[in-house]
Amino acid sequence: MSHVPHELHEEFPDKAERIHALKTGDAHFARLAEAYHEVNREIHRIESGVAPTSDEILERLKKQRLNLLDEIAPLLRG
């Protein structure tokens, strides 16, 4: 279990400029990025012990994060 947050720019280190451009210029991407950020922060809080919850909820959140990455990745490839 990792206690390090998986920030979007860390998941796609070579796409930092594209991430910024899409966040400011594409409302759909901005919504996906914000949803990813919210889910990712909640996972980090759970894994760090700040917000304890069940394993089922943690796994559901991790799947949600992966689904968001699956939606974000093609947009970054452009």
PDB file of N, CA and C in Angstrom:
ATOM      1  N   MET A   1       0.851  -1.172   0.000  1.00  0.00           N
ATOM      2  CA  MET A   1       0.000   0.000   0.000  1.00  0.00           C
ATOM      3  C   MET A   1       0.895   1.232   0.000  1.00  0.00           C
ATOM      4  N   SER A   2       0.619   2.132  -0.896  1.00  0.00           N
ATOM      5  CA  SER A   2       1.405   3.348  -1.022  1.00  0.00           C
ATOM      6  C   SER A   2       0.703   4.494  -0.305  1.00  0.00           C
ATOM      7  N   HIS A   3       1.466   5.270   0.423  1.00  0.00           N
ATOM      8  CA  HIS A   3       0.895   6.446   1.087  1.00  0.00           C
ATOM      9  C   HIS A   3       1.261   7.711   0.322  1.00  0.00           C
ATOM     10  N   VAL A   4       1.691   7.554  -0.899  1.00  0.00           N
ATOM     11  CA  VAL A   4       2.075   8.690  -1.733  1.00  0.00           C
ATOM     12  C   VAL A   4       0.927   8.977  -2.686  1.00  0.00           C
ATOM     13  N   PRO A   5       0.449  10.219  -2.724  1.00  0.00           N
ATOM     14  CA  PRO A   5      -0.642  10.524  -3.648  1.00  0.00           C
ATOM     15  C   PRO A   5      -0.188  10.379  -5.101  1.00  0.00           C
ATOM     16  N   HIS A   6      -1.086   9.948  -5.938  1.00  0.00           N
ATOM     17  CA  HIS A   6      -0.816   9.764  -7.365  1.00  0.00           C
ATOM     18  C   HIS A   6      -1.367  10.963  -8.126  1.00  0.00           C
ATOM     19  N   GLU A   7      -0.672  12.073  -8.043  1.00  0.00           N
ATOM     20  CA  GLU A   7      -1.147  13.276  -8.721  1.00  0.00           C
ATOM     21  C   GLU A   7      -1.128  13.055 -10.230  1.00  0.00           C
ATOM     22  N   LEU A   8      -1.997  13.747 -10.925  1.00  0.00           N
ATOM     23  CA  LEU A   8      -2.143  13.572 -12.366  1.00  0.00           C
ATOM     24  C   LEU A   8      -0.831  13.844 -13.098  1.00  0.00           C
ATOM     25  N   HIS A   9      -0.124  14.883 -12.708  1.00  0.00           N
ATOM     26  CA  HIS A   9       1.144  15.198 -13.384  1.00  0.00           C
ATOM     27  C   HIS A   9       2.226  14.160 -13.070  1.00  0.00           C
ATOM     28  N   GLU A  10       2.051  13.387 -12.000  1.00  0.00           N
ATOM     29  CA  GLU A  10       2.979  12.295 -11.695  1.00  0.00           C
ATOM     30  C   GLU A  10       2.634  11.038 -12.489  1.00  0.00           C
ATOM     31  N   GLU A  11       1.371  10.866 -12.781  1.00  0.00           N
ATOM     32  CA  GLU A  11       0.939   9.735 -13.596  1.00  0.00           C
ATOM     33  C   GLU A  11       1.372   9.915 -15.054  1.00  0.00           C
ATOM     34  N   PHE A  12       1.406  11.176 -15.498  1.00  0.00           N
ATOM     35  CA  PHE A  12       1.785  11.506 -16.873  1.00  0.00           C
ATOM     36  C   PHE A  12       2.856  12.594 -16.846  1.00  0.00           C
ATOM     37  N   PRO A  13       4.061  12.266 -16.380  1.00  0.00           N
ATOM     38  CA  PRO A  13       5.093  13.298 -16.198  1.00  0.00           C
ATOM     39  C   PRO A  13       5.501  14.014 -17.483  1.00  0.00           C
ATOM     40  N   ASP A  14       5.382  13.350 -18.599  1.00  0.00           N
ATOM     41  CA  ASP A  14       5.758  13.973 -19.871  1.00  0.00           C
ATOM     42  C   ASP A  14       4.635  14.825 -20.462  1.00  0.00           C
ATOM     43  N   LYS A  15       3.504  14.893 -19.795  1.00  0.00           N
ATOM     44  CA  LYS A  15       2.341  15.627 -20.302  1.00  0.00           C
ATOM     45  C   LYS A  15       1.957  16.819 -19.422  1.00  0.00           C
ATOM     46  N   ALA A  16       2.870  17.302 -18.597  1.00  0.00           N
ATOM     47  CA  ALA A  16       2.541  18.379 -17.652  1.00  0.00           C
ATOM     48  C   ALA A  16       2.001  19.623 -18.367  1.00  0.00           C
ATOM     49  N   GLU A  17       2.629  20.022 -19.442  1.00  0.00           N
ATOM     50  CA  GLU A  17       2.162  21.218 -20.170  1.00  0.00           C
ATOM     51  C   GLU A  17       0.796  20.976 -20.789  1.00  0.00           C
ATOM     52  N   ARG A  18       0.594  19.774 -21.345  1.00  0.00           N
ATOM     53  CA  ARG A  18      -0.695  19.450 -21.964  1.00  0.00           C
ATOM     54  C   ARG A  18      -1.791  19.406 -20.893  1.00  0.00           C
ATOM     55  N   ILE A  19      -1.486  18.858 -19.733  1.00  0.00           N
ATOM     56  CA  ILE A  19      -2.456  18.826 -18.633  1.00  0.00           C
ATOM     57  C   ILE A  19      -2.888  20.244 -18.286  1.00  0.00           C
ATOM     58  N   HIS A  20      -1.922  21.135 -18.128  1.00  0.00           N
ATOM     59  CA  HIS A  20      -2.242  22.522 -17.784  1.00  0.00           C
ATOM     60  C   HIS A  20      -3.090  23.169 -18.875  1.00  0.00           C
ATOM     61  N   ALA A  21      -2.700  22.971 -20.125  1.00  0.00           N
ATOM     62  CA  ALA A  21      -3.440  23.579 -21.233  1.00  0.00           C
ATOM     63  C   ALA A  21      -4.878  23.059 -21.285  1.00  0.00           C
ATOM     64  N   LEU A  22      -5.046  21.766 -21.101  1.00  0.00           N
ATOM     65  CA  LEU A  22      -6.393  21.197 -21.146  1.00  0.00           C
ATOM     66  C   LEU A  22      -7.236  21.616 -19.944  1.00  0.00           C
ATOM     67  N   LYS A  23      -6.608  21.728 -18.785  1.00  0.00           N
ATOM     68  CA  LYS A  23      -7.354  22.172 -17.598  1.00  0.00           C
ATOM     69  C   LYS A  23      -7.926  23.569 -17.807  1.00  0.00           C
ATOM     70  N   THR A  24      -7.185  24.414 -18.487  1.00  0.00           N
ATOM     71  CA  THR A  24      -7.634  25.791 -18.676  1.00  0.00           C
ATOM     72  C   THR A  24      -8.461  25.994 -19.941  1.00  0.00           C
ATOM     73  N   GLY A  25      -8.347  25.065 -20.903  1.00  0.00           N
ATOM     74  CA  GLY A  25      -9.024  25.285 -22.168  1.00  0.00           C
ATOM     75  C   GLY A  25     -10.088  24.285 -22.550  1.00  0.00           C
ATOM     76  N   ASP A  26     -10.289  23.256 -21.759  1.00  0.00           N
ATOM     77  CA  ASP A  26     -11.242  22.204 -22.098  1.00  0.00           C
ATOM     78  C   ASP A  26     -12.059  21.883 -20.849  1.00  0.00           C
ATOM     79  N   ALA A  27     -13.310  22.297 -20.841  1.00  0.00           N
ATOM     80  CA  ALA A  27     -14.160  22.127 -19.659  1.00  0.00           C
ATOM     81  C   ALA A  27     -14.351  20.655 -19.292  1.00  0.00           C
ATOM     82  N   HIS A  28     -14.486  19.796 -20.295  1.00  0.00           N
ATOM     83  CA  HIS A  28     -14.658  18.365 -20.027  1.00  0.00           C
ATOM     84  C   HIS A  28     -13.412  17.803 -19.339  1.00  0.00           C
ATOM     85  N   PHE A  29     -12.244  18.128 -19.868  1.00  0.00           N
ATOM     86  CA  PHE A  29     -11.005  17.658 -19.254  1.00  0.00           C
ATOM     87  C   PHE A  29     -10.873  18.226 -17.842  1.00  0.00           C
ATOM     88  N   ALA A  30     -11.203  19.484 -17.663  1.00  0.00           N
ATOM     89  CA  ALA A  30     -11.101  20.107 -16.335  1.00  0.00           C
ATOM     90  C   ALA A  30     -11.982  19.374 -15.325  1.00  0.00           C
ATOM     91  N   ARG A  31     -13.185  18.958 -15.736  1.00  0.00           N
ATOM     92  CA  ARG A  31     -14.074  18.207 -14.843  1.00  0.00           C
ATOM     93  C   ARG A  31     -13.476  16.836 -14.506  1.00  0.00           C
ATOM     94  N   LEU A  32     -12.932  16.169 -15.517  1.00  0.00           N
ATOM     95  CA  LEU A  32     -12.301  14.868 -15.268  1.00  0.00           C
ATOM     96  C   LEU A  32     -11.108  15.014 -14.333  1.00  0.00           C
ATOM     97  N   ALA A  33     -10.290  16.035 -14.558  1.00  0.00           N
ATOM     98  CA  ALA A  33      -9.109  16.252 -13.723  1.00  0.00           C
ATOM     99  C   ALA A  33      -9.514  16.562 -12.288  1.00  0.00           C
ATOM    100  N   GLU A  34     -10.557  17.340 -12.113  1.00  0.00           N
ATOM    101  CA  GLU A  34     -11.030  17.670 -10.767  1.00  0.00           C
ATOM    102  C   GLU A  34     -11.591  16.429 -10.080  1.00  0.00           C
ATOM    103  N   ALA A  35     -12.349  15.617 -10.811  1.00  0.00           N
ATOM    104  CA  ALA A  35     -12.881  14.384 -10.240  1.00  0.00           C
ATOM    105  C   ALA A  35     -11.735  13.453  -9.845  1.00  0.00           C
ATOM    106  N   TYR A  36     -10.718  13.354 -10.701  1.00  0.00           N
ATOM    107  CA  TYR A  36      -9.550  12.535 -10.390  1.00  0.00           C
ATOM    108  C   TYR A  36      -8.884  13.047  -9.113  1.00  0.00           C
ATOM    109  N   HIS A  37      -8.697  14.358  -9.034  1.00  0.00           N
ATOM    110  CA  HIS A  37      -8.050  14.958  -7.867  1.00  0.00           C
ATOM    111  C   HIS A  37      -8.827  14.635  -6.583  1.00  0.00           C
ATOM    112  N   GLU A  38     -10.143  14.763  -6.628  1.00  0.00           N
ATOM    113  CA  GLU A  38     -10.963  14.500  -5.443  1.00  0.00           C
ATOM    114  C   GLU A  38     -10.875  13.036  -5.011  1.00  0.00           C
ATOM    115  N   VAL A  39     -10.997  12.116  -5.962  1.00  0.00           N
ATOM    116  CA  VAL A  39     -10.921  10.689  -5.646  1.00  0.00           C
ATOM    117  C   VAL A  39      -9.523  10.344  -5.142  1.00  0.00           C
ATOM    118  N   ASN A  40      -8.521  10.871  -5.806  1.00  0.00           N
ATOM    119  CA  ASN A  40      -7.144  10.594  -5.430  1.00  0.00           C
ATOM    120  C   ASN A  40      -6.847  11.077  -4.012  1.00  0.00           C
ATOM    121  N   ARG A  41      -7.298  12.261  -3.672  1.00  0.00           N
ATOM    122  CA  ARG A  41      -7.077  12.790  -2.319  1.00  0.00           C
ATOM    123  C   ARG A  41      -7.782  11.936  -1.275  1.00  0.00           C
ATOM    124  N   GLU A  42      -8.989  11.474  -1.586  1.00  0.00           N
ATOM    125  CA  GLU A  42      -9.709  10.628  -0.633  1.00  0.00           C
ATOM    126  C   GLU A  42      -8.962   9.307  -0.425  1.00  0.00           C
ATOM    127  N   ILE A  43      -8.462   8.726  -1.494  1.00  0.00           N
ATOM    128  CA  ILE A  43      -7.667   7.494  -1.372  1.00  0.00           C
ATOM    129  C   ILE A  43      -6.438   7.758  -0.506  1.00  0.00           C
ATOM    130  N   HIS A  44      -5.770   8.852  -0.731  1.00  0.00           N
ATOM    131  CA  HIS A  44      -4.583   9.182   0.046  1.00  0.00           C
ATOM    132  C   HIS A  44      -4.926   9.353   1.530  1.00  0.00           C
ATOM    133  N   ARG A  45      -6.051  10.006   1.818  1.00  0.00           N
ATOM    134  CA  ARG A  45      -6.471  10.192   3.209  1.00  0.00           C
ATOM    135  C   ARG A  45      -6.761   8.842   3.869  1.00  0.00           C
ATOM    136  N   ILE A  46      -7.381   7.935   3.128  1.00  0.00           N
ATOM    137  CA  ILE A  46      -7.699   6.616   3.665  1.00  0.00           C
ATOM    138  C   ILE A  46      -6.415   5.826   3.904  1.00  0.00           C
ATOM    139  N   GLU A  47      -5.542   5.795   2.915  1.00  0.00           N
ATOM    140  CA  GLU A  47      -4.302   5.034   3.038  1.00  0.00           C
ATOM    141  C   GLU A  47      -3.389   5.586   4.126  1.00  0.00           C
ATOM    142  N   SER A  48      -3.487   6.874   4.394  1.00  0.00           N
ATOM    143  CA  SER A  48      -2.664   7.496   5.434  1.00  0.00           C
ATOM    144  C   SER A  48      -3.271   7.343   6.819  1.00  0.00           C
ATOM    145  N   GLY A  49      -4.490   6.809   6.899  1.00  0.00           N
ATOM    146  CA  GLY A  49      -5.138   6.611   8.186  1.00  0.00           C
ATOM    147  C   GLY A  49      -5.884   7.830   8.688  1.00  0.00           C
ATOM    148  N   VAL A  50      -5.961   8.869   7.885  1.00  0.00           N
ATOM    149  CA  VAL A  50      -6.659  10.097   8.282  1.00  0.00           C
ATOM    150  C   VAL A  50      -8.173   9.896   8.225  1.00  0.00           C
ATOM    151  N   ALA A  51      -8.618   9.145   7.223  1.00  0.00           N
ATOM    152  CA  ALA A  51     -10.049   8.907   7.037  1.00  0.00           C
ATOM    153  C   ALA A  51     -10.280   7.406   6.899  1.00  0.00           C
ATOM    154  N   PRO A  52     -10.318   6.682   8.013  1.00  0.00           N
ATOM    155  CA  PRO A  52     -10.489   5.232   7.935  1.00  0.00           C
ATOM    156  C   PRO A  52     -11.827   4.846   7.295  1.00  0.00           C
ATOM    157  N   THR A  53     -11.796   3.753   6.555  1.00  0.00           N
ATOM    158  CA  THR A  53     -13.009   3.244   5.919  1.00  0.00           C
ATOM    159  C   THR A  53     -12.830   1.756   5.653  1.00  0.00           C
ATOM    160  N   SER A  54     -13.792   1.154   5.029  1.00  0.00           N
ATOM    161  CA  SER A  54     -13.718  -0.286   4.737  1.00  0.00           C
ATOM    162  C   SER A  54     -12.842  -0.538   3.512  1.00  0.00           C
ATOM    163  N   ASP A  55     -12.360  -1.758   3.417  1.00  0.00           N
ATOM    164  CA  ASP A  55     -11.568  -2.163   2.255  1.00  0.00           C
ATOM    165  C   ASP A  55     -12.402  -2.074   0.976  1.00  0.00           C
ATOM    166  N   GLU A  56     -13.687  -2.375   1.078  1.00  0.00           N
ATOM    167  CA  GLU A  56     -14.565  -2.325  -0.087  1.00  0.00           C
ATOM    168  C   GLU A  56     -14.661  -0.910  -0.652  1.00  0.00           C
ATOM    169  N   ILE A  57     -14.791   0.061   0.230  1.00  0.00           N
ATOM    170  CA  ILE A  57     -14.878   1.445  -0.228  1.00  0.00           C
ATOM    171  C   ILE A  57     -13.557   1.891  -0.843  1.00  0.00           C
ATOM    172  N   LEU A  58     -12.455   1.521  -0.217  1.00  0.00           N
ATOM    173  CA  LEU A  58     -11.148   1.866  -0.762  1.00  0.00           C
ATOM    174  C   LEU A  58     -10.965   1.259  -2.153  1.00  0.00           C
ATOM    175  N   GLU A  59     -11.333   0.017  -2.321  1.00  0.00           N
ATOM    176  CA  GLU A  59     -11.204  -0.634  -3.631  1.00  0.00           C
ATOM    177  C   GLU A  59     -12.105   0.027  -4.671  1.00  0.00           C
ATOM    178  N   ARG A  60     -13.306   0.409  -4.258  1.00  0.00           N
ATOM    179  CA  ARG A  60     -14.222   1.104  -5.183  1.00  0.00           C
ATOM    180  C   ARG A  60     -13.619   2.425  -5.636  1.00  0.00           C
ATOM    181  N   LEU A  61     -13.019   3.155  -4.699  1.00  0.00           N
ATOM    182  CA  LEU A  61     -12.381   4.423  -5.041  1.00  0.00           C
ATOM    183  C   LEU A  61     -11.185   4.218  -5.971  1.00  0.00           C
ATOM    184  N   LYS A  62     -10.420   3.174  -5.731  1.00  0.00           N
ATOM    185  CA  LYS A  62      -9.270   2.893  -6.600  1.00  0.00           C
ATOM    186  C   LYS A  62      -9.729   2.551  -8.015  1.00  0.00           C
ATOM    187  N   LYS A  63     -10.824   1.811  -8.133  1.00  0.00           N
ATOM    188  CA  LYS A  63     -11.372   1.494  -9.456  1.00  0.00           C
ATOM    189  C   LYS A  63     -11.878   2.755 -10.141  1.00  0.00           C
ATOM    190  N   GLN A  64     -12.489   3.635  -9.367  1.00  0.00           N
ATOM    191  CA  GLN A  64     -12.972   4.901  -9.913  1.00  0.00           C
ATOM    192  C   GLN A  64     -11.790   5.730 -10.425  1.00  0.00           C
ATOM    193  N   ARG A  65     -10.692   5.743  -9.657  1.00  0.00           N
ATOM    194  CA  ARG A  65      -9.503   6.481 -10.077  1.00  0.00           C
ATOM    195  C   ARG A  65      -8.951   5.916 -11.386  1.00  0.00           C
ATOM    196  N   LEU A  66      -8.905   4.596 -11.496  1.00  0.00           N
ATOM    197  CA  LEU A  66      -8.428   3.967 -12.730  1.00  0.00           C
ATOM    198  C   LEU A  66      -9.336   4.282 -13.910  1.00  0.00           C
ATOM    199  N   ASN A  67     -10.638   4.283 -13.679  1.00  0.00           N
ATOM    200  CA  ASN A  67     -11.576   4.632 -14.750  1.00  0.00           C
ATOM    201  C   ASN A  67     -11.360   6.063 -15.221  1.00  0.00           C
ATOM    202  N   LEU A  68     -11.114   6.963 -14.281  1.00  0.00           N
ATOM    203  CA  LEU A  68     -10.843   8.351 -14.657  1.00  0.00           C
ATOM    204  C   LEU A  68      -9.551   8.453 -15.458  1.00  0.00           C
ATOM    205  N   LEU A  69      -8.528   7.708 -15.048  1.00  0.00           N
ATOM    206  CA  LEU A  69      -7.276   7.694 -15.816  1.00  0.00           C
ATOM    207  C   LEU A  69      -7.514   7.168 -17.226  1.00  0.00           C
ATOM    208  N   ASP A  70      -8.381   6.171 -17.350  1.00  0.00           N
ATOM    209  CA  ASP A  70      -8.713   5.631 -18.668  1.00  0.00           C
ATOM    210  C   ASP A  70      -9.406   6.664 -19.551  1.00  0.00           C
ATOM    211  N   GLU A  71     -10.162   7.570 -18.954  1.00  0.00           N
ATOM    212  CA  GLU A  71     -10.810   8.636 -19.720  1.00  0.00           C
ATOM    213  C   GLU A  71      -9.841   9.773 -20.032  1.00  0.00           C
ATOM    214  N   ILE A  72      -8.939  10.035 -19.116  1.00  0.00           N
ATOM    215  CA  ILE A  72      -7.998  11.160 -19.254  1.00  0.00           C
ATOM    216  C   ILE A  72      -6.880  10.847 -20.255  1.00  0.00           C
ATOM    217  N   ALA A  73      -6.361   9.637 -20.227  1.00  0.00           N
ATOM    218  CA  ALA A  73      -5.204   9.280 -21.061  1.00  0.00           C
ATOM    219  C   ALA A  73      -5.403   9.588 -22.546  1.00  0.00           C
ATOM    220  N   PRO A  74      -6.519   9.206 -23.168  1.00  0.00           N
ATOM    221  CA  PRO A  74      -6.670   9.502 -24.591  1.00  0.00           C
ATOM    222  C   PRO A  74      -6.724  11.007 -24.881  1.00  0.00           C
ATOM    223  N   LEU A  75      -7.275  11.762 -23.948  1.00  0.00           N
ATOM    224  CA  LEU A  75      -7.337  13.219 -24.144  1.00  0.00           C
ATOM    225  C   LEU A  75      -5.932  13.823 -24.114  1.00  0.00           C
ATOM    226  N   LEU A  76      -5.062  13.253 -23.313  1.00  0.00           N
ATOM    227  CA  LEU A  76      -3.679  13.752 -23.241  1.00  0.00           C
ATOM    228  C   LEU A  76      -2.901  13.381 -24.499  1.00  0.00           C
ATOM    229  N   ARG A  77      -3.244  12.255 -25.101  1.00  0.00           N
ATOM    230  CA  ARG A  77      -2.576  11.867 -26.337  1.00  0.00           C
ATOM    231  C   ARG A  77      -3.015  12.767 -27.486  1.00  0.00           C
ATOM    232  N   GLY A  78      -4.245  13.282 -27.351  1.00  0.00           N
ATOM    233  CA  GLY A  78      -4.778  14.245 -28.297  1.00  0.00           C
ATOM    234  C   GLY A  78      -4.912  13.746 -29.674  1.00  0.00           C
TER     235      GLY A  78
END
